[in-house]
N, C-alpha and C. Protein backbone atom coordinates (compact mmCIF):
# COMPACT_ATOMS: atom_id res chain seq x y z
N MET A 1 -62.37 46.61 75.58
CA MET A 1 -63.22 47.51 76.31
C MET A 1 -64.07 46.68 77.25
N VAL A 2 -64.06 47.02 78.50
CA VAL A 2 -64.90 46.35 79.47
C VAL A 2 -66.05 47.29 79.79
N LEU A 3 -67.26 46.84 79.55
CA LEU A 3 -68.41 47.70 79.76
C LEU A 3 -68.83 47.77 81.21
N HIS A 4 -68.44 46.80 82.02
CA HIS A 4 -68.87 46.83 83.41
C HIS A 4 -67.84 47.57 84.25
N ASP A 5 -68.24 48.66 84.78
CA ASP A 5 -67.49 49.33 85.82
C ASP A 5 -68.50 50.15 86.63
N ASP A 6 -68.06 50.72 87.71
CA ASP A 6 -68.99 51.39 88.62
C ASP A 6 -69.58 52.67 88.04
N THR A 7 -68.95 53.26 87.03
CA THR A 7 -69.46 54.52 86.50
C THR A 7 -70.44 54.32 85.36
N HIS A 8 -70.26 53.28 84.52
CA HIS A 8 -71.11 53.11 83.35
C HIS A 8 -72.23 52.10 83.56
N CYS A 9 -71.95 51.01 84.21
CA CYS A 9 -72.94 49.95 84.35
C CYS A 9 -72.93 49.40 85.77
N PRO A 10 -73.49 50.12 86.69
CA PRO A 10 -73.52 49.57 88.05
C PRO A 10 -74.41 48.34 88.10
N VAL A 11 -73.95 47.34 88.78
CA VAL A 11 -74.72 46.10 88.92
C VAL A 11 -75.27 46.05 90.33
N GLN A 12 -76.58 45.79 90.42
CA GLN A 12 -77.21 45.64 91.72
C GLN A 12 -77.36 44.15 91.99
N ARG A 13 -77.15 43.71 93.16
CA ARG A 13 -77.23 42.31 93.54
C ARG A 13 -76.55 41.41 92.52
N GLY A 14 -75.41 40.98 92.74
CA GLY A 14 -74.76 40.09 91.80
C GLY A 14 -73.91 39.07 92.52
N TYR A 15 -73.77 37.92 91.91
CA TYR A 15 -72.97 36.86 92.51
C TYR A 15 -71.70 36.62 91.72
N GLY A 16 -71.65 37.03 90.48
CA GLY A 16 -70.46 36.80 89.67
C GLY A 16 -70.64 37.43 88.31
N PHE A 17 -69.61 37.39 87.54
CA PHE A 17 -69.64 37.98 86.22
C PHE A 17 -69.07 37.01 85.20
N GLN A 18 -69.60 37.10 83.98
CA GLN A 18 -69.10 36.28 82.89
C GLN A 18 -68.56 37.25 81.85
N VAL A 19 -67.37 37.00 81.35
CA VAL A 19 -66.77 37.87 80.34
C VAL A 19 -67.01 37.26 78.97
N ILE A 20 -67.56 38.06 78.08
CA ILE A 20 -67.84 37.62 76.72
C ILE A 20 -66.99 38.47 75.79
N ALA A 21 -66.22 37.84 74.91
CA ALA A 21 -65.40 38.57 73.95
C ALA A 21 -65.98 38.38 72.57
N ILE A 22 -66.30 39.49 71.89
CA ILE A 22 -66.79 39.47 70.53
C ILE A 22 -65.85 40.34 69.72
N ALA A 23 -65.06 39.74 68.83
CA ALA A 23 -64.05 40.46 68.06
C ALA A 23 -63.18 41.22 69.04
N ALA A 24 -63.10 42.54 68.94
CA ALA A 24 -62.26 43.33 69.84
C ALA A 24 -63.07 43.90 70.99
N LEU A 25 -64.32 43.52 71.10
CA LEU A 25 -65.21 44.04 72.14
C LEU A 25 -65.33 43.03 73.26
N THR A 26 -65.08 43.44 74.48
CA THR A 26 -65.23 42.57 75.63
C THR A 26 -66.36 43.12 76.48
N ILE A 27 -67.31 42.26 76.81
CA ILE A 27 -68.45 42.67 77.62
C ILE A 27 -68.46 41.81 78.88
N THR A 28 -68.60 42.45 80.02
CA THR A 28 -68.75 41.73 81.27
C THR A 28 -70.23 41.70 81.59
N VAL A 29 -70.78 40.50 81.67
CA VAL A 29 -72.21 40.34 81.89
C VAL A 29 -72.44 39.69 83.26
N PRO A 30 -73.31 40.27 84.07
CA PRO A 30 -73.60 39.65 85.36
C PRO A 30 -74.38 38.35 85.16
N VAL A 31 -74.10 37.39 86.01
CA VAL A 31 -74.80 36.11 85.95
C VAL A 31 -75.45 35.81 87.29
N GLU A 32 -76.23 34.76 87.33
CA GLU A 32 -76.88 34.26 88.54
C GLU A 32 -77.76 35.31 89.20
N GLY A 33 -78.67 35.88 88.42
CA GLY A 33 -79.69 36.74 88.99
C GLY A 33 -79.31 38.18 89.23
N ALA A 34 -78.15 38.63 88.80
CA ALA A 34 -77.78 40.02 88.98
C ALA A 34 -78.64 40.88 88.04
N VAL A 35 -78.88 42.12 88.42
CA VAL A 35 -79.73 43.01 87.65
C VAL A 35 -78.90 44.21 87.21
N MET A 36 -79.00 44.54 85.90
CA MET A 36 -78.30 45.71 85.36
C MET A 36 -79.29 46.84 85.17
N SER A 37 -78.82 48.05 85.25
CA SER A 37 -79.70 49.20 85.02
C SER A 37 -80.09 49.27 83.54
N LYS A 38 -81.20 49.96 83.25
CA LYS A 38 -81.65 50.11 81.86
C LYS A 38 -80.62 50.86 81.03
N SER A 39 -79.94 51.85 81.63
CA SER A 39 -78.94 52.60 80.87
C SER A 39 -77.78 51.70 80.47
N CYS A 40 -77.42 50.78 81.33
CA CYS A 40 -76.34 49.85 81.01
C CYS A 40 -76.77 48.91 79.88
N LEU A 41 -77.99 48.40 79.95
CA LEU A 41 -78.49 47.52 78.89
C LEU A 41 -78.57 48.25 77.56
N SER A 42 -79.00 49.52 77.58
CA SER A 42 -79.07 50.26 76.33
C SER A 42 -77.67 50.55 75.80
N LEU A 43 -76.70 50.76 76.68
CA LEU A 43 -75.32 50.96 76.26
C LEU A 43 -74.79 49.70 75.58
N ILE A 44 -75.03 48.55 76.16
CA ILE A 44 -74.59 47.29 75.57
C ILE A 44 -75.29 47.09 74.22
N GLY A 45 -76.57 47.35 74.15
CA GLY A 45 -77.30 47.22 72.89
C GLY A 45 -76.76 48.13 71.82
N SER A 46 -76.47 49.37 72.19
CA SER A 46 -75.91 50.32 71.23
C SER A 46 -74.55 49.88 70.74
N MET A 47 -73.73 49.38 71.64
CA MET A 47 -72.39 48.91 71.26
C MET A 47 -72.50 47.73 70.30
N LEU A 48 -73.37 46.79 70.58
CA LEU A 48 -73.52 45.63 69.71
C LEU A 48 -74.10 46.03 68.36
N ALA A 49 -75.05 46.96 68.34
CA ALA A 49 -75.61 47.43 67.08
C ALA A 49 -74.53 48.14 66.25
N GLY A 50 -73.70 48.93 66.90
CA GLY A 50 -72.61 49.60 66.20
C GLY A 50 -71.61 48.61 65.64
N LEU A 51 -71.30 47.58 66.41
CA LEU A 51 -70.37 46.55 65.95
C LEU A 51 -70.93 45.83 64.73
N LEU A 52 -72.21 45.48 64.76
CA LEU A 52 -72.83 44.81 63.62
C LEU A 52 -72.88 45.72 62.40
N ALA A 53 -73.18 46.99 62.60
CA ALA A 53 -73.22 47.93 61.47
C ALA A 53 -71.83 48.09 60.85
N ALA A 54 -70.81 48.14 61.69
CA ALA A 54 -69.44 48.26 61.17
C ALA A 54 -69.06 47.03 60.36
N CYS A 55 -69.43 45.87 60.83
CA CYS A 55 -69.12 44.65 60.11
C CYS A 55 -69.86 44.58 58.79
N SER A 56 -71.09 45.04 58.75
CA SER A 56 -71.86 44.96 57.51
C SER A 56 -71.39 45.98 56.49
N SER A 57 -70.73 47.06 56.92
CA SER A 57 -70.27 48.06 55.96
C SER A 57 -68.88 47.75 55.43
N MET A 58 -68.20 46.76 55.96
CA MET A 58 -66.88 46.40 55.47
C MET A 58 -67.02 45.71 54.11
N PRO A 59 -66.13 46.06 53.17
CA PRO A 59 -66.24 45.42 51.87
C PRO A 59 -65.88 43.94 51.97
N SER A 60 -66.60 43.13 51.24
CA SER A 60 -66.32 41.71 51.24
C SER A 60 -65.05 41.45 50.46
N ALA A 61 -64.51 40.26 50.60
CA ALA A 61 -63.31 39.88 49.85
C ALA A 61 -63.59 39.95 48.35
N GLN A 62 -64.79 39.57 47.95
CA GLN A 62 -65.15 39.62 46.53
C GLN A 62 -65.17 41.07 46.04
N ASP A 63 -65.73 41.99 46.83
CA ASP A 63 -65.74 43.41 46.45
C ASP A 63 -64.32 43.94 46.32
N ALA A 64 -63.45 43.57 47.25
CA ALA A 64 -62.06 44.02 47.21
C ALA A 64 -61.36 43.49 45.96
N GLN A 65 -61.62 42.23 45.61
CA GLN A 65 -61.02 41.66 44.40
C GLN A 65 -61.54 42.36 43.15
N GLN A 66 -62.82 42.71 43.14
CA GLN A 66 -63.38 43.41 41.99
C GLN A 66 -62.79 44.81 41.85
N ARG A 67 -62.60 45.50 42.97
CA ARG A 67 -61.98 46.83 42.92
C ARG A 67 -60.54 46.72 42.42
N GLN A 68 -59.83 45.72 42.91
CA GLN A 68 -58.45 45.54 42.48
C GLN A 68 -58.40 45.24 40.98
N ALA A 69 -59.28 44.36 40.49
CA ALA A 69 -59.33 44.03 39.07
C ALA A 69 -59.67 45.27 38.23
N ALA A 70 -60.57 46.11 38.73
CA ALA A 70 -60.94 47.33 38.01
C ALA A 70 -59.77 48.30 37.94
N TYR A 71 -59.03 48.46 39.04
CA TYR A 71 -57.86 49.34 39.03
C TYR A 71 -56.80 48.80 38.06
N VAL A 72 -56.55 47.50 38.10
CA VAL A 72 -55.54 46.90 37.21
C VAL A 72 -55.95 47.10 35.75
N ALA A 73 -57.23 46.90 35.44
CA ALA A 73 -57.71 47.07 34.06
C ALA A 73 -57.60 48.52 33.60
N ALA A 74 -57.73 49.47 34.53
CA ALA A 74 -57.69 50.88 34.17
C ALA A 74 -56.28 51.48 34.23
N ALA A 75 -55.32 50.67 34.69
CA ALA A 75 -53.95 51.17 34.81
C ALA A 75 -53.28 51.20 33.43
N GLY A 76 -52.53 52.25 33.18
CA GLY A 76 -51.85 52.41 31.90
C GLY A 76 -50.49 51.74 31.89
N THR A 77 -49.67 52.15 30.96
CA THR A 77 -48.32 51.58 30.84
C THR A 77 -47.45 52.12 31.96
N PRO A 78 -46.49 51.33 32.39
CA PRO A 78 -45.64 51.76 33.51
C PRO A 78 -44.86 53.04 33.21
N VAL A 79 -44.70 53.83 34.27
CA VAL A 79 -43.89 55.05 34.21
C VAL A 79 -42.76 54.92 35.23
N ARG A 80 -41.74 55.74 35.09
CA ARG A 80 -40.59 55.66 36.01
C ARG A 80 -40.86 56.32 37.36
N SER A 81 -41.77 57.33 37.38
CA SER A 81 -41.97 58.08 38.62
C SER A 81 -43.27 58.85 38.58
N PHE A 82 -43.63 59.42 39.74
CA PHE A 82 -44.72 60.38 39.81
C PHE A 82 -44.33 61.46 40.80
N ARG A 83 -44.93 62.61 40.65
CA ARG A 83 -44.58 63.76 41.48
C ARG A 83 -45.63 63.96 42.57
N LEU A 84 -45.14 64.16 43.78
CA LEU A 84 -46.00 64.57 44.89
C LEU A 84 -46.02 66.08 44.90
N VAL A 85 -47.20 66.66 45.02
CA VAL A 85 -47.31 68.11 45.07
C VAL A 85 -46.78 68.56 46.43
N LEU A 86 -45.75 69.38 46.40
CA LEU A 86 -45.13 69.82 47.66
C LEU A 86 -46.14 70.57 48.52
N GLY A 87 -46.17 70.25 49.78
CA GLY A 87 -47.09 70.89 50.71
C GLY A 87 -48.43 70.19 50.79
N ASP A 88 -48.86 69.56 49.70
CA ASP A 88 -50.15 68.86 49.70
C ASP A 88 -50.00 67.40 50.09
N GLY A 89 -48.89 66.78 49.72
CA GLY A 89 -48.68 65.38 50.02
C GLY A 89 -49.63 64.50 49.22
N ILE A 90 -50.13 63.47 49.86
CA ILE A 90 -51.01 62.51 49.21
C ILE A 90 -52.45 62.94 49.45
N TYR A 91 -53.26 62.98 48.40
CA TYR A 91 -54.67 63.33 48.55
C TYR A 91 -55.42 62.18 49.21
N SER A 92 -55.18 60.94 48.72
CA SER A 92 -55.85 59.76 49.24
C SER A 92 -55.05 58.53 48.83
N TRP A 93 -55.35 57.41 49.44
CA TRP A 93 -54.70 56.16 49.06
C TRP A 93 -55.59 55.00 49.48
N GLU A 94 -55.39 53.86 48.82
CA GLU A 94 -56.19 52.67 49.11
C GLU A 94 -55.33 51.43 48.92
N PRO A 95 -55.14 50.64 49.98
CA PRO A 95 -54.41 49.38 49.79
C PRO A 95 -55.31 48.37 49.09
N LEU A 96 -54.76 47.64 48.13
CA LEU A 96 -55.53 46.62 47.44
C LEU A 96 -55.18 45.23 47.97
N ASP A 97 -53.93 45.03 48.33
CA ASP A 97 -53.47 43.82 49.02
C ASP A 97 -52.07 44.14 49.54
N ASP A 98 -51.28 43.13 49.89
CA ASP A 98 -49.95 43.38 50.44
C ASP A 98 -48.89 43.68 49.38
N THR A 99 -49.29 43.74 48.11
CA THR A 99 -48.33 44.07 47.06
C THR A 99 -48.81 45.20 46.14
N GLN A 100 -49.99 45.73 46.37
CA GLN A 100 -50.51 46.81 45.52
C GLN A 100 -51.26 47.85 46.34
N LEU A 101 -51.08 49.11 45.94
CA LEU A 101 -51.88 50.17 46.51
C LEU A 101 -52.10 51.24 45.44
N VAL A 102 -53.19 51.98 45.59
CA VAL A 102 -53.50 53.09 44.70
C VAL A 102 -53.25 54.37 45.49
N VAL A 103 -52.54 55.29 44.87
CA VAL A 103 -52.22 56.57 45.48
C VAL A 103 -52.84 57.67 44.63
N TYR A 104 -53.66 58.51 45.26
CA TYR A 104 -54.23 59.68 44.60
C TYR A 104 -53.39 60.88 45.01
N THR A 105 -52.76 61.52 44.02
CA THR A 105 -52.01 62.73 44.31
C THR A 105 -52.92 63.95 44.25
N ARG A 106 -54.02 63.83 43.53
CA ARG A 106 -55.09 64.82 43.44
C ARG A 106 -56.39 64.03 43.26
N PRO A 107 -57.53 64.65 43.41
CA PRO A 107 -58.79 63.91 43.21
C PRO A 107 -58.92 63.33 41.80
N THR A 108 -58.23 63.92 40.85
CA THR A 108 -58.34 63.48 39.45
C THR A 108 -57.10 62.76 38.94
N ARG A 109 -56.15 62.45 39.80
CA ARG A 109 -54.92 61.77 39.36
C ARG A 109 -54.56 60.68 40.36
N ALA A 110 -54.43 59.43 39.83
CA ALA A 110 -54.11 58.29 40.68
C ALA A 110 -53.04 57.42 40.02
N TYR A 111 -52.31 56.69 40.85
CA TYR A 111 -51.28 55.77 40.38
C TYR A 111 -51.44 54.43 41.09
N LEU A 112 -51.28 53.36 40.33
CA LEU A 112 -51.27 52.00 40.89
C LEU A 112 -49.82 51.62 41.13
N LEU A 113 -49.48 51.35 42.38
CA LEU A 113 -48.11 50.99 42.73
C LEU A 113 -48.05 49.50 43.04
N ASP A 114 -47.10 48.82 42.42
CA ASP A 114 -46.80 47.42 42.74
C ASP A 114 -45.54 47.43 43.60
N THR A 115 -45.58 46.70 44.70
CA THR A 115 -44.43 46.62 45.60
C THR A 115 -44.05 45.16 45.79
N TRP A 116 -42.89 44.95 46.37
CA TRP A 116 -42.57 43.61 46.84
C TRP A 116 -43.51 43.36 48.02
N PRO A 117 -43.72 42.11 48.45
CA PRO A 117 -44.63 41.88 49.59
C PRO A 117 -44.29 42.83 50.74
N CYS A 118 -45.33 43.48 51.21
CA CYS A 118 -45.18 44.60 52.14
C CYS A 118 -45.99 44.33 53.42
N SER A 119 -45.30 44.01 54.50
CA SER A 119 -45.99 43.73 55.77
C SER A 119 -46.74 44.96 56.24
N GLY A 120 -48.00 44.75 56.58
CA GLY A 120 -48.81 45.82 57.16
C GLY A 120 -49.49 46.72 56.15
N LEU A 121 -49.26 46.55 54.87
CA LEU A 121 -49.85 47.44 53.88
C LEU A 121 -51.36 47.35 53.85
N SER A 122 -51.91 46.16 54.03
CA SER A 122 -53.37 45.97 53.94
C SER A 122 -54.13 46.61 55.09
N PHE A 123 -53.48 46.81 56.23
CA PHE A 123 -54.22 47.29 57.40
C PHE A 123 -53.64 48.53 58.07
N THR A 124 -52.65 49.14 57.47
CA THR A 124 -52.06 50.32 58.10
C THR A 124 -53.01 51.52 58.01
N ASN A 125 -52.88 52.45 58.93
CA ASN A 125 -53.72 53.65 58.94
C ASN A 125 -53.15 54.78 58.10
N ARG A 126 -51.86 54.73 57.79
CA ARG A 126 -51.25 55.78 57.00
C ARG A 126 -50.07 55.23 56.23
N VAL A 127 -49.76 55.89 55.14
CA VAL A 127 -48.58 55.54 54.35
C VAL A 127 -47.78 56.80 54.07
N GLY A 128 -46.54 56.59 53.76
CA GLY A 128 -45.65 57.66 53.36
C GLY A 128 -44.74 57.13 52.27
N PHE A 129 -43.95 58.00 51.69
CA PHE A 129 -43.04 57.61 50.63
C PHE A 129 -41.70 58.29 50.83
N THR A 130 -40.65 57.59 50.44
CA THR A 130 -39.38 58.27 50.30
C THR A 130 -39.45 58.94 48.94
N SER A 131 -38.74 60.03 48.78
CA SER A 131 -38.73 60.72 47.49
C SER A 131 -37.51 61.62 47.41
N PHE A 132 -37.21 62.04 46.21
CA PHE A 132 -36.14 63.01 46.00
C PHE A 132 -36.75 64.19 45.28
N ALA A 133 -36.74 65.34 45.89
CA ALA A 133 -37.30 66.58 45.33
C ALA A 133 -38.77 66.39 44.92
N GLY A 134 -39.52 65.64 45.73
CA GLY A 134 -40.94 65.44 45.49
C GLY A 134 -41.26 64.41 44.42
N GLU A 135 -40.25 63.71 43.92
CA GLU A 135 -40.42 62.71 42.87
C GLU A 135 -40.26 61.31 43.48
N VAL A 136 -41.29 60.46 43.33
CA VAL A 136 -41.26 59.08 43.81
C VAL A 136 -40.93 58.20 42.61
N SER A 137 -39.81 57.45 42.70
CA SER A 137 -39.31 56.70 41.55
C SER A 137 -39.28 55.20 41.79
N VAL A 138 -39.48 54.44 40.71
CA VAL A 138 -39.40 52.97 40.73
C VAL A 138 -37.97 52.56 41.03
N GLY A 139 -37.80 51.53 41.86
CA GLY A 139 -36.49 50.97 42.13
C GLY A 139 -35.63 51.77 43.08
N PHE A 140 -36.02 53.01 43.36
CA PHE A 140 -35.23 53.84 44.25
C PHE A 140 -35.99 54.17 45.52
N ASP A 141 -37.26 54.56 45.38
CA ASP A 141 -38.05 54.97 46.53
C ASP A 141 -38.89 53.84 47.09
N LYS A 142 -39.41 54.08 48.30
CA LYS A 142 -40.11 53.03 49.03
C LYS A 142 -41.40 53.56 49.64
N VAL A 143 -42.32 52.62 49.93
CA VAL A 143 -43.55 52.91 50.65
C VAL A 143 -43.26 52.68 52.13
N LEU A 144 -43.65 53.61 52.97
CA LEU A 144 -43.47 53.50 54.42
C LEU A 144 -44.85 53.27 55.03
N THR A 145 -44.99 52.20 55.84
CA THR A 145 -46.30 51.90 56.41
C THR A 145 -46.40 52.28 57.87
N ALA A 146 -45.62 51.71 58.72
CA ALA A 146 -45.73 51.99 60.16
C ALA A 146 -44.42 51.63 60.84
N ARG A 147 -44.30 52.09 62.05
CA ARG A 147 -43.11 51.76 62.83
C ARG A 147 -43.02 50.24 62.98
N GLY A 148 -41.82 49.75 62.92
CA GLY A 148 -41.61 48.32 63.11
C GLY A 148 -41.68 47.52 61.82
N TYR A 149 -42.16 48.12 60.74
CA TYR A 149 -42.23 47.43 59.45
C TYR A 149 -41.15 47.99 58.54
N LEU A 150 -40.57 47.11 57.76
CA LEU A 150 -39.55 47.54 56.81
C LEU A 150 -40.20 48.33 55.68
N PRO A 151 -39.49 49.32 55.14
CA PRO A 151 -40.00 50.03 53.96
C PRO A 151 -40.18 49.05 52.80
N CYS A 152 -41.16 49.32 51.94
CA CYS A 152 -41.49 48.42 50.84
C CYS A 152 -41.00 49.02 49.52
N ALA A 153 -40.15 48.29 48.84
CA ALA A 153 -39.61 48.77 47.57
C ALA A 153 -40.70 48.80 46.50
N ILE A 154 -40.71 49.86 45.69
CA ILE A 154 -41.68 50.02 44.62
C ILE A 154 -41.13 49.34 43.37
N LYS A 155 -41.88 48.35 42.85
CA LYS A 155 -41.47 47.63 41.64
C LYS A 155 -41.98 48.30 40.38
N GLN A 156 -43.18 48.87 40.43
CA GLN A 156 -43.79 49.41 39.23
C GLN A 156 -44.79 50.51 39.59
N ILE A 157 -44.89 51.52 38.76
CA ILE A 157 -45.86 52.61 38.91
C ILE A 157 -46.62 52.72 37.60
N ARG A 158 -47.96 52.70 37.69
CA ARG A 158 -48.79 52.87 36.49
C ARG A 158 -49.85 53.93 36.77
N PRO A 159 -50.01 54.91 35.88
CA PRO A 159 -51.08 55.88 36.06
C PRO A 159 -52.43 55.20 35.84
N VAL A 160 -53.43 55.60 36.60
CA VAL A 160 -54.78 55.02 36.49
C VAL A 160 -55.67 56.00 35.73
N ASP A 161 -56.32 55.50 34.69
CA ASP A 161 -57.31 56.28 33.95
C ASP A 161 -58.60 56.20 34.78
N LEU A 162 -58.90 57.26 35.52
CA LEU A 162 -60.03 57.22 36.45
C LEU A 162 -61.39 57.11 35.76
N ALA A 163 -61.53 57.66 34.56
CA ALA A 163 -62.78 57.49 33.81
C ALA A 163 -62.96 56.02 33.44
N ARG A 164 -61.88 55.38 33.00
CA ARG A 164 -61.95 53.95 32.67
C ARG A 164 -62.19 53.12 33.94
N PHE A 165 -61.55 53.52 35.04
CA PHE A 165 -61.77 52.80 36.30
C PHE A 165 -63.24 52.81 36.69
N LYS A 166 -63.86 53.97 36.56
CA LYS A 166 -65.29 54.10 36.90
C LYS A 166 -66.13 53.18 36.01
N LEU A 167 -65.82 53.13 34.71
CA LEU A 167 -66.54 52.24 33.78
C LEU A 167 -66.30 50.77 34.12
N GLU A 168 -65.05 50.43 34.41
CA GLU A 168 -64.71 49.04 34.78
C GLU A 168 -65.46 48.61 36.04
N LYS A 169 -65.46 49.50 37.02
CA LYS A 169 -66.13 49.21 38.30
C LYS A 169 -67.62 49.00 38.07
N GLU A 170 -68.23 49.87 37.27
CA GLU A 170 -69.66 49.76 36.99
C GLU A 170 -69.96 48.49 36.19
N ALA A 171 -69.12 48.16 35.23
CA ALA A 171 -69.31 46.94 34.43
C ALA A 171 -69.22 45.69 35.30
N ARG A 172 -68.28 45.67 36.22
CA ARG A 172 -68.13 44.52 37.11
C ARG A 172 -69.32 44.42 38.06
N ARG A 173 -69.81 45.57 38.53
CA ARG A 173 -70.99 45.57 39.40
C ARG A 173 -72.20 45.04 38.63
N GLN A 174 -72.37 45.50 37.38
CA GLN A 174 -73.49 45.06 36.55
C GLN A 174 -73.40 43.57 36.28
N ALA A 175 -72.20 43.06 36.00
CA ALA A 175 -72.01 41.63 35.75
C ALA A 175 -72.36 40.83 37.00
N ASP A 176 -72.03 41.36 38.16
CA ASP A 176 -72.35 40.67 39.42
C ASP A 176 -73.85 40.63 39.64
N VAL A 177 -74.56 41.71 39.31
CA VAL A 177 -76.01 41.76 39.48
C VAL A 177 -76.67 40.75 38.56
N VAL A 178 -76.23 40.68 37.31
CA VAL A 178 -76.79 39.72 36.36
C VAL A 178 -76.53 38.30 36.83
N ALA A 179 -75.31 38.04 37.31
CA ALA A 179 -74.97 36.69 37.78
C ALA A 179 -75.83 36.30 38.98
N ARG A 180 -76.15 37.23 39.84
CA ARG A 180 -76.97 36.92 41.02
C ARG A 180 -78.44 36.76 40.67
N ASP A 181 -78.93 37.56 39.71
CA ASP A 181 -80.35 37.50 39.35
C ASP A 181 -80.72 36.16 38.75
N SER A 182 -80.06 35.77 37.68
CA SER A 182 -80.35 34.49 37.05
C SER A 182 -79.17 34.05 36.23
N PRO A 183 -78.60 32.89 36.57
CA PRO A 183 -77.43 32.42 35.85
C PRO A 183 -77.74 32.22 34.37
N GLY A 184 -76.86 32.71 33.51
CA GLY A 184 -77.01 32.52 32.08
C GLY A 184 -77.92 33.54 31.40
N ALA A 185 -78.57 34.38 32.15
CA ALA A 185 -79.50 35.36 31.56
C ALA A 185 -78.73 36.57 31.06
N ALA A 186 -79.22 37.11 29.98
CA ALA A 186 -78.63 38.34 29.43
C ALA A 186 -79.10 39.51 30.27
N PRO A 187 -78.31 40.58 30.32
CA PRO A 187 -78.73 41.73 31.10
C PRO A 187 -80.02 42.34 30.54
N ALA A 188 -80.85 42.82 31.44
CA ALA A 188 -82.11 43.43 31.04
C ALA A 188 -81.83 44.74 30.34
N PRO A 189 -82.59 45.06 29.27
CA PRO A 189 -82.35 46.34 28.59
C PRO A 189 -82.70 47.50 29.52
N ALA A 190 -81.98 48.58 29.33
CA ALA A 190 -82.21 49.76 30.18
C ALA A 190 -83.55 50.38 29.81
N ALA A 191 -84.27 50.80 30.81
CA ALA A 191 -85.56 51.43 30.58
C ALA A 191 -85.35 52.84 30.05
N SER A 192 -86.13 53.21 29.05
CA SER A 192 -86.01 54.56 28.51
C SER A 192 -87.10 55.44 29.10
N HIS A 193 -86.75 56.67 29.32
CA HIS A 193 -87.68 57.60 29.92
C HIS A 193 -88.06 58.66 28.95
C-alpha cells in the first residue's frame, strides 16, 4: 500500500520522496523540506497504530505451543472418521502447525487431525475436506488448503474433550503466571469471598 498519492496525501512543496517498507505496509514519505497535510499525517499515524495493534494481538510462538499442547493433552483415542453435518460444513477450525489442525464440527464437538506435512496449513484462510457421504476418514480423505497446494493426507483423527481442553489451557496459563511471578514459588492460594 502506498500512502502517497494525489487523493489521500497531497504533498506541498517537495523535492523527493523516500519509500519506507514496514512488514507489508509501504509508506512514501516526503523528504528535504516537503510538507504533508494534517489529514495525511493522521492517516499515517492511524495506519501505524493499527499495524502495531495487530502485531501485539498475534499469539506468540509460546502461546501457540501451549494451545497445541493443551489440545494434544485433551485429545482422546484415535477414531477412524468423523461426520460433517450436511449443509453446515465446518463450524470452525484452527491450524496448530503444518501437521496438525483442530476442526470444530459444532461449537461443542472438535477433532484433532494429524496430517503428513502440509504446505500452507499454518497460514491458509480456509480449509476443506474430501469426504464420502459426509464422512471424513483416516487414510482415505484429505485436507484441502488452497489452490496450488497438494491435498494433505489425514494420518490420525482424535476427538477433543473440550471441557478437558479448557482445564488444560487454564492450568498451562496458571503455570506460566507462577513461572513469571517468581521462579520456584508455589502458586498463591485462591482468595475466598
